[in-house]
Protein backbone atom coordinates (compact mmCIF):
# COMPACT_ATOMS: atom_id res chain seq x y z
CA MET A 1 12.63 -21.22 13.96
CA LEU A 2 11.61 -17.77 12.69
CA ASP A 3 10.93 -19.19 9.23
CA LEU A 4 8.57 -21.80 10.68
CA ARG A 5 6.70 -19.18 12.73
CA LEU A 6 6.36 -16.90 9.71
CA TYR A 7 5.19 -19.82 7.59
CA MET A 8 2.54 -20.70 10.16
CA LEU A 9 1.50 -17.06 10.56
CA GLN A 10 1.05 -16.70 6.81
CA ARG A 11 -1.06 -19.85 6.69
CA LEU A 12 -3.14 -18.59 9.62
CA SER A 13 -3.67 -15.23 7.93
CA ALA A 14 -4.78 -17.06 4.76
CA MET A 15 -7.28 -19.09 6.79
CA LEU A 16 -8.65 -15.87 8.27
CA MET A 17 -8.82 -14.11 4.92
CA ALA A 18 -10.83 -16.85 3.19
CA PRO A 19 -14.13 -16.09 4.96
CA PHE A 20 -13.41 -12.34 4.78
CA VAL A 21 -13.06 -12.59 0.99
CA LEU A 22 -16.21 -14.67 0.61
CA VAL A 23 -18.31 -12.31 2.73
CA HIS A 24 -16.85 -9.26 0.98
CA LEU A 25 -17.64 -10.70 -2.47
CA GLY A 26 -21.15 -11.62 -1.35
CA VAL A 27 -21.78 -8.12 -0.03
CA MET A 28 -20.43 -6.56 -3.23
CA ILE A 29 -22.64 -8.77 -5.41
CA TYR A 30 -25.65 -7.93 -3.23
CA ALA A 31 -24.90 -4.20 -3.45
CA ILE A 32 -24.49 -4.26 -7.23
CA GLN A 33 -27.57 -6.37 -7.88
CA GLY A 34 -29.57 -4.28 -5.44
CA GLY A 35 -28.56 -1.13 -7.30
CA LEU A 36 -27.17 0.56 -4.21
CA SER A 37 -25.35 3.83 -4.74
CA ALA A 38 -22.10 4.73 -3.00
CA GLY A 39 -24.05 7.04 -0.72
CA GLU A 40 -26.46 4.27 0.25
CA ILE A 41 -23.58 1.89 0.96
CA LEU A 42 -21.85 4.50 3.14
CA GLY A 43 -25.14 5.12 4.89
CA ARG A 44 -25.15 1.47 5.93
CA THR A 45 -21.49 1.24 6.93
CA ARG A 46 -20.92 4.57 8.68
CA GLY A 47 -21.13 4.24 12.44
CA SER A 48 -21.26 0.44 12.24
CA LEU A 49 -19.00 -1.32 14.72
CA PRO A 50 -19.55 -4.75 13.09
CA TRP A 51 -18.40 -3.46 9.69
CA PHE A 52 -15.44 -1.70 11.32
CA LEU A 53 -14.40 -4.94 13.04
CA PHE A 54 -14.98 -7.02 9.92
CA TYR A 55 -12.97 -4.83 7.56
CA GLY A 56 -10.37 -4.02 10.22
CA GLY A 57 -9.76 -7.75 10.67
CA PHE A 58 -9.64 -8.21 6.91
CA VAL A 59 -7.04 -5.44 6.55
CA ALA A 60 -4.92 -6.81 9.41
CA ALA A 61 -4.93 -10.35 7.98
CA ALA A 62 -4.17 -9.13 4.44
CA SER A 63 -1.32 -6.89 5.67
CA VAL A 64 0.36 -9.71 7.57
CA HIS A 65 -0.14 -12.16 4.71
CA ALA A 66 1.24 -9.79 2.07
CA ALA A 67 4.24 -8.68 4.13
CA ILE A 68 5.32 -12.26 4.83
CA GLY A 69 4.83 -13.21 1.19
CA LEU A 70 6.89 -10.23 0.08
CA ARG A 71 9.58 -11.22 2.57
CA VAL A 72 9.94 -14.61 0.90
CA ILE A 73 9.97 -13.08 -2.59
CA ALA A 74 12.57 -10.45 -1.61
CA ALA A 75 14.80 -13.08 -0.01
CA GLU A 76 14.62 -15.39 -3.03
CA THR A 77 14.81 -12.88 -5.88
CA LEU A 78 16.74 -9.93 -4.42
CA GLY A 79 18.90 -11.92 -2.05
CA LEU A 80 18.00 -9.67 0.89
CA ARG A 81 18.89 -11.01 4.30
CA GLY A 82 18.99 -9.89 7.91
CA ARG A 83 18.20 -6.31 8.80
CA ALA A 84 17.40 -5.17 5.24
CA LEU A 85 14.85 -7.95 4.87
CA ALA A 86 13.30 -7.18 8.26
CA VAL A 87 13.06 -3.44 7.50
CA LEU A 88 11.42 -4.13 4.14
CA THR A 89 8.95 -6.60 5.64
CA TRP A 90 7.98 -4.43 8.60
CA GLY A 91 7.83 -1.32 6.41
CA VAL A 92 5.54 -2.87 3.82
CA GLY A 93 3.36 -4.42 6.51
CA ALA A 94 3.04 -1.08 8.32
CA VAL A 95 2.22 0.83 5.12
CA LEU A 96 -0.40 -1.72 4.08
CA LEU A 97 -1.94 -1.73 7.54
CA GLY A 98 -1.94 2.07 7.72
CA LEU A 99 -3.49 2.58 4.28
CA GLY A 100 -6.01 -0.18 4.84
CA MET A 101 -7.10 1.17 8.21
CA TYR A 102 -7.37 4.65 6.69
CA ALA A 103 -9.87 3.19 4.20
CA VAL A 104 -11.72 1.31 6.96
CA PHE A 105 -12.05 4.49 9.01
CA ALA A 106 -13.23 6.37 5.91
CA VAL A 107 -16.15 4.03 5.32
CA THR A 108 -17.13 3.14 8.89
CA VAL A 109 -16.51 6.15 11.10
CA PRO A 110 -19.17 8.86 10.89
CA ALA A 111 -17.99 12.02 9.14
């Protein structure tokens, strides 16, 4: 039953990430073509709740998706099972979420 729930959660996270990726790529193309500097980009993102929510959601979805994917890879290639597999999965997910949210705070929260 856990495998089915994780499978569904990974598919859900992929469905959430698809629009995040498309919007992110569109914004990056706009910024590059518009000749925006890093300072100008930060000027637009700092203090912006919508950008915080957008990139926070992106980070959360990517962290869940990657951790579940790594869980499957570790089980198949390393033969990890049980507690070791759970610790690896939760650990990687927590690290990815923490580092990602650190980056989100860096670009959205006023200095």
